[in-house]
Amino acid sequence: MSRQFKRVYSLSLVGESNTKVISDLRISFEVSKSTRSYPNIARIDIYNPNQETISMIDGEDPLLILSAGYENNIGLIFRGRKRNVFINKVSEDRVITIYAADGGKDWDSAIYNKTSTADLKLKDIVLELFNTFNETGDVTVGSIEGIDIPADKLLGQSLSGSSKDILDILAQDYKFQWSIQDGELILTKEDSALTTLDSVLVSQSTGMIGSPAVTEIGADVTSLMNPKLLPDRLFTIESVSNEVSLSNLQFRKIKRTSAEGSYRAFEVIFTGDTHGNQWFSTARGISLQ
């Protein structure tokens, strides 16, 4: 990655009849994305929006699409709909704060009801469950990897209830993980990374901030905003510095004193303020070594 210049963002409000794009107002945000099966969440603050924007957010429940990064590296970091909206005064500014979830409405409402048969494969059941996340049209089926096996434990069973709860039970029994990422349902084998994406390099030359922190399961690292960092994607830490933060492990036995190596991201947090210092990505990873 070349050096990063000029912060860039775009916040699209996609309504039923029109789309509004915000790219010149002050915004701040925190987006938390993980491999867990409940929705990714975001807090987005918009400073001094006009009344048309406020009415659209409050009344139409538009789809929120936030892209951010730098001029040579901008990408999607959140896609979802509001959960709550608050309007406040901060000094002389009017600020609308949006709390939003990725696929939250379909996650809440999806229902499944079917009896499994002898020749049914696990992938077929998962696809049927995924296809119940269709109330709003916000969620589509994305990547499904590594579960092309018979659903032997489900022979003759009736599966009925919340689709998310059934998927959680199947994930525990058949050792896979599923989540909603930017409107796509993603499934991988337990403790496996997405095979369709290359590893992201995090180093001083690509914008690493400070020193990575060694954890019991891997390492955490912060860099300048990089939308390529995603849950279940591999990232590689390279550091020319010998310094390393040991998180809270100073008094515990650990196997490593260096964070260099490759990791599978299980959580990525994006924090930004167009008029402040924050414009960062923090990846939390599980070691592959």
Protein backbone atom coordinates (compact mmCIF):
# COMPACT_ATOMS: atom_id res chain seq x y z
CA MET A 1 0.00 0.00 0.00
CA SER A 2 1.33 3.46 -0.86
CA ARG A 3 1.40 6.25 1.70
CA GLN A 4 -2.04 7.49 2.62
CA PHE A 5 -3.13 11.06 2.01
CA LYS A 6 -6.38 13.00 2.28
CA ARG A 7 -9.16 11.49 4.37
CA VAL A 8 -12.25 10.63 2.37
CA TYR A 9 -15.72 9.49 3.36
CA SER A 10 -19.16 9.06 1.87
CA LEU A 11 -22.39 8.45 3.80
CA SER A 12 -25.31 7.44 1.57
CA LEU A 13 -28.90 7.47 2.81
CA VAL A 14 -30.82 5.16 0.48
CA GLY A 15 -34.56 5.73 0.82
CA GLU A 16 -37.52 4.28 -1.03
CA SER A 17 -37.79 7.21 -3.44
CA ASN A 18 -34.39 8.90 -3.40
CA THR A 19 -30.78 8.68 -2.26
CA LYS A 20 -28.93 11.41 -0.40
CA VAL A 21 -25.12 11.42 -0.26
CA ILE A 22 -23.29 13.28 2.51
CA SER A 23 -19.58 13.90 1.96
CA ASP A 24 -18.88 17.46 3.08
CA LEU A 25 -20.37 17.71 6.58
CA ARG A 26 -18.47 16.87 9.74
CA ILE A 27 -19.17 13.33 10.88
CA SER A 28 -17.70 11.10 13.56
CA PHE A 29 -18.27 7.37 13.88
CA GLU A 30 -17.39 4.11 15.55
CA VAL A 31 -18.09 0.87 13.72
CA SER A 32 -17.61 -2.51 15.39
CA LYS A 33 -17.52 -5.59 13.15
CA SER A 34 -16.88 -9.14 14.32
CA THR A 35 -17.26 -12.80 13.42
CA ARG A 36 -19.95 -13.22 16.07
CA SER A 37 -23.46 -14.10 14.93
CA TYR A 38 -25.20 -10.97 16.16
CA PRO A 39 -25.30 -7.82 14.00
CA ASN A 40 -22.36 -5.50 13.56
CA ILE A 41 -23.13 -2.09 15.03
CA ALA A 42 -22.31 1.54 14.33
CA ARG A 43 -22.65 4.93 15.95
CA ILE A 44 -22.63 7.78 13.44
CA ASP A 45 -22.75 11.47 14.40
CA ILE A 46 -23.69 13.99 11.70
CA TYR A 47 -23.01 17.64 12.52
CA ASN A 48 -25.41 20.37 11.38
CA PRO A 49 -27.50 18.38 8.90
CA ASN A 50 -30.29 20.22 7.16
CA GLN A 51 -33.94 19.51 7.92
CA GLU A 52 -34.32 17.36 4.80
CA THR A 53 -31.61 15.01 6.06
CA ILE A 54 -33.09 14.85 9.55
CA SER A 55 -36.57 14.12 8.20
CA MET A 56 -35.23 11.40 5.92
CA ILE A 57 -33.32 9.64 8.70
CA ASP A 58 -36.14 9.96 11.22
CA GLY A 59 -39.06 9.27 8.91
CA GLU A 60 -38.01 7.03 6.02
CA ASP A 61 -35.59 4.65 7.78
CA PRO A 62 -33.08 4.75 4.91
CA LEU A 63 -30.35 2.19 4.36
CA LEU A 64 -27.10 3.68 5.67
CA ILE A 65 -23.97 3.01 3.62
CA LEU A 66 -20.73 4.40 5.04
CA SER A 67 -17.47 4.26 3.11
CA ALA A 68 -14.26 5.74 4.48
CA GLY A 69 -10.51 5.71 4.12
CA TYR A 70 -7.95 7.69 2.18
CA GLU A 71 -7.94 8.98 -1.37
CA ASN A 72 -6.05 5.90 -2.60
CA ASN A 73 -7.83 3.41 -0.31
CA ILE A 74 -11.52 4.00 0.35
CA GLY A 75 -13.97 1.18 0.99
CA LEU A 76 -17.23 0.12 2.60
CA ILE A 77 -17.04 -0.04 6.40
CA PHE A 78 -20.74 -0.21 7.33
CA ARG A 79 -24.10 -1.01 5.77
CA GLY A 80 -27.26 -1.17 7.85
CA ARG A 81 -30.33 0.57 9.25
CA LYS A 82 -30.97 2.67 12.32
CA ARG A 83 -31.92 1.25 15.71
CA ASN A 84 -32.17 4.59 17.52
CA VAL A 85 -31.76 8.26 16.62
CA PHE A 86 -31.05 11.20 18.94
CA ILE A 87 -30.71 14.91 18.19
CA ASN A 88 -28.50 16.98 20.50
CA LYS A 89 -26.81 20.36 20.76
CA VAL A 90 -23.01 20.31 21.16
CA SER A 91 -21.77 23.88 21.68
CA GLU A 92 -23.13 25.68 18.63
CA ASP A 93 -23.64 22.52 16.59
CA ARG A 94 -26.78 20.49 16.09
CA VAL A 95 -25.78 16.82 16.02
CA ILE A 96 -27.89 13.86 14.96
CA THR A 97 -26.61 10.59 16.41
CA ILE A 98 -27.58 7.34 14.72
CA TYR A 99 -27.18 3.92 16.31
CA ALA A 100 -27.46 1.31 13.56
CA ALA A 101 -27.17 -2.44 12.99
CA ASP A 102 -26.13 -4.47 9.95
CA GLY A 103 -29.06 -6.70 8.92
CA GLY A 104 -30.63 -6.22 12.33
CA LYS A 105 -34.28 -6.34 11.26
CA ASP A 106 -33.89 -9.59 9.32
CA TRP A 107 -31.77 -11.03 12.14
CA ASP A 108 -34.67 -10.30 14.53
CA SER A 109 -37.52 -11.56 12.35
CA ALA A 110 -36.27 -14.56 10.31
CA ILE A 111 -38.22 -17.78 11.05
CA TYR A 112 -37.57 -21.35 9.84
CA ASN A 113 -39.83 -24.41 9.98
CA LYS A 114 -38.93 -27.70 8.30
CA THR A 115 -38.32 -31.39 9.00
CA SER A 116 -34.96 -32.68 7.75
CA THR A 117 -34.74 -35.71 5.47
CA ALA A 118 -32.12 -38.43 5.10
CA ASP A 119 -30.43 -37.06 1.96
CA LEU A 120 -30.26 -33.43 3.10
CA LYS A 121 -26.80 -31.86 3.37
CA LEU A 122 -25.85 -29.31 5.98
CA LYS A 123 -25.15 -26.72 3.30
CA ASP A 124 -28.71 -27.14 1.96
CA ILE A 125 -30.18 -26.48 5.41
CA VAL A 126 -27.92 -23.46 5.91
CA LEU A 127 -28.94 -22.02 2.55
CA GLU A 128 -32.61 -22.46 3.43
CA LEU A 129 -32.02 -20.75 6.77
CA PHE A 130 -30.07 -17.93 5.12
CA ASN A 131 -32.88 -17.40 2.62
CA THR A 132 -35.31 -16.66 5.47
CA PHE A 133 -33.40 -13.42 6.15
CA ASN A 134 -35.43 -11.69 3.46
CA GLU A 135 -38.00 -9.38 5.07
CA THR A 136 -36.30 -6.09 4.19
CA GLY A 137 -34.20 -7.16 1.22
CA ASP A 138 -31.11 -5.78 3.00
CA VAL A 139 -29.46 -9.18 3.47
CA THR A 140 -28.22 -11.53 0.75
CA VAL A 141 -26.35 -14.84 0.81
CA GLY A 142 -22.59 -14.35 0.54
CA SER A 143 -19.69 -16.76 0.96
CA ILE A 144 -20.32 -20.27 2.35
CA GLU A 145 -17.16 -22.33 2.85
CA GLY A 146 -16.29 -25.76 4.20
CA ILE A 147 -19.62 -27.34 5.23
CA ASP A 148 -20.46 -29.61 2.29
CA ILE A 149 -21.19 -32.59 4.58
CA PRO A 150 -24.31 -34.66 5.42
CA ALA A 151 -26.57 -33.33 8.16
CA ASP A 152 -26.38 -36.69 9.93
CA LYS A 153 -27.26 -35.36 13.39
CA LEU A 154 -30.51 -33.87 12.07
CA LEU A 155 -32.05 -36.96 10.45
CA GLY A 156 -35.81 -36.74 10.86
CA GLN A 157 -35.68 -33.74 13.19
CA SER A 158 -38.10 -30.84 12.94
CA LEU A 159 -36.34 -27.48 12.99
CA SER A 160 -38.71 -24.71 13.98
CA GLY A 161 -38.16 -21.26 15.41
CA SER A 162 -35.89 -18.26 15.06
CA SER A 163 -33.45 -18.76 12.18
CA LYS A 164 -30.59 -17.14 14.10
CA ASP A 165 -31.10 -19.46 17.06
CA ILE A 166 -31.18 -22.56 14.84
CA LEU A 167 -28.02 -21.41 13.05
CA ASP A 168 -26.28 -20.91 16.40
CA ILE A 169 -27.17 -24.47 17.46
CA LEU A 170 -25.99 -25.90 14.13
CA ALA A 171 -22.78 -23.86 14.34
CA GLN A 172 -22.00 -25.40 17.72
CA ASP A 173 -22.82 -28.96 16.56
CA TYR A 174 -21.04 -28.79 13.19
CA LYS A 175 -18.15 -26.46 14.09
CA PHE A 176 -18.76 -23.48 11.86
CA GLN A 177 -19.28 -19.75 12.39
CA TRP A 178 -21.67 -17.37 10.66
CA SER A 179 -22.24 -13.64 10.63
CA ILE A 180 -23.70 -10.76 8.63
CA GLN A 181 -21.04 -8.58 7.01
CA ASP A 182 -22.20 -5.45 5.14
CA GLY A 183 -25.50 -7.08 4.21
CA GLU A 184 -24.05 -10.47 3.28
CA LEU A 185 -24.45 -13.70 5.23
CA ILE A 186 -21.00 -15.25 5.61
CA LEU A 187 -20.15 -18.75 6.83
CA THR A 188 -16.76 -20.36 7.41
CA LYS A 189 -15.50 -23.41 9.23
CA GLU A 190 -14.72 -22.76 12.87
CA ASP A 191 -11.36 -21.01 13.30
CA SER A 192 -10.92 -20.64 9.52
CA ALA A 193 -10.34 -17.46 7.52
CA LEU A 194 -11.94 -16.48 4.23
CA THR A 195 -9.99 -18.11 1.42
CA THR A 196 -11.12 -15.63 -1.25
CA LEU A 197 -9.17 -12.65 0.14
CA ASP A 198 -5.43 -12.07 0.45
CA SER A 199 -3.81 -11.18 3.75
CA VAL A 200 -3.60 -7.46 4.62
CA LEU A 201 -0.14 -6.18 5.55
CA VAL A 202 0.01 -3.97 8.66
CA SER A 203 3.40 -2.29 9.16
CA GLN A 204 4.92 1.13 9.70
CA SER A 205 4.98 1.69 5.95
CA THR A 206 1.26 0.93 5.61
CA GLY A 207 0.17 3.12 8.53
CA MET A 208 0.60 1.12 11.74
CA ILE A 209 0.12 3.30 14.83
CA GLY A 210 2.33 2.63 17.83
CA SER A 211 3.21 -0.96 18.72
CA PRO A 212 1.01 -4.06 18.39
CA ALA A 213 -0.22 -5.71 21.57
CA VAL A 214 0.38 -9.40 22.23
CA THR A 215 -2.68 -11.18 23.66
CA GLU A 216 -3.28 -14.69 24.96
CA ILE A 217 -4.75 -15.75 21.63
CA GLY A 218 -2.90 -13.53 19.17
CA ALA A 219 -2.37 -9.80 18.78
CA ASP A 220 -4.19 -6.47 18.45
CA VAL A 221 -2.94 -3.74 16.14
CA THR A 222 -4.05 -0.23 15.22
CA SER A 223 -3.38 1.49 11.90
CA LEU A 224 -4.53 4.44 9.89
CA MET A 225 -8.02 3.81 8.50
CA ASN A 226 -7.87 0.72 6.28
CA PRO A 227 -11.23 -0.60 5.02
CA LYS A 228 -9.53 -3.77 3.75
CA LEU A 229 -9.32 -5.05 7.32
CA LEU A 230 -12.37 -7.28 7.77
CA PRO A 231 -13.61 -9.97 10.18
CA ASP A 232 -12.39 -13.43 9.13
CA ARG A 233 -9.78 -11.91 6.82
CA LEU A 234 -6.08 -12.63 7.39
CA PHE A 235 -3.70 -9.84 8.31
CA THR A 236 0.07 -9.90 8.74
CA ILE A 237 1.97 -7.74 11.23
CA GLU A 238 5.47 -6.58 10.34
CA SER A 239 7.28 -4.29 12.76
CA VAL A 240 10.81 -2.85 12.61
CA SER A 241 10.55 -1.97 16.29
CA ASN A 242 11.53 -4.40 19.03
CA GLU A 243 9.02 -2.79 21.38
CA VAL A 244 5.75 -4.61 21.93
CA SER A 245 2.85 -4.04 24.26
CA LEU A 246 1.96 -7.09 26.36
CA SER A 247 -1.62 -5.92 26.98
CA ASN A 248 -2.49 -7.27 30.44
CA LEU A 249 -0.11 -10.24 30.26
CA GLN A 250 2.89 -8.83 32.10
CA PHE A 251 2.49 -11.24 35.02
CA ARG A 252 1.36 -14.28 33.04
CA LYS A 253 3.29 -16.92 31.16
CA ILE A 254 3.14 -16.32 27.43
CA LYS A 255 4.77 -18.12 24.55
CA ARG A 256 5.57 -15.07 22.43
CA THR A 257 7.19 -11.72 23.01
CA SER A 258 6.78 -10.54 19.40
CA ALA A 259 3.57 -9.73 17.56
CA GLU A 260 5.06 -10.32 14.12
CA GLY A 261 3.18 -12.98 12.19
CA SER A 262 -0.15 -13.79 10.55
CA TYR A 263 -3.56 -13.63 12.19
CA ARG A 264 -7.22 -14.20 11.50
CA ALA A 265 -9.22 -11.11 12.41
CA PHE A 266 -12.14 -11.83 14.72
CA GLU A 267 -13.00 -8.17 15.34
CA VAL A 268 -12.28 -4.89 13.55
CA ILE A 269 -13.17 -1.47 14.95
CA PHE A 270 -13.20 1.68 12.81
CA THR A 271 -13.13 5.07 14.55
CA GLY A 272 -13.20 8.36 12.72
CA ASP A 273 -13.80 12.10 13.06
CA THR A 274 -13.44 14.26 9.97
CA HIS A 275 -12.57 17.27 12.16
CA GLY A 276 -10.52 15.43 14.80
CA ASN A 277 -7.46 13.21 15.12
CA GLN A 278 -9.20 9.84 14.97
CA TRP A 279 -9.10 8.03 11.62
CA PHE A 280 -8.07 4.55 12.67
CA SER A 281 -8.70 0.83 12.26
CA THR A 282 -8.04 -1.62 15.08
CA ALA A 283 -7.83 -5.32 14.22
CA ARG A 284 -7.96 -8.01 16.88
CA GLY A 285 -6.51 -11.29 15.67
CA ILE A 286 -6.09 -14.95 16.51
CA SER A 287 -2.61 -16.30 15.81
CA LEU A 288 -2.17 -18.85 13.02
CA GLN A 289 1.11 -20.08 14.50
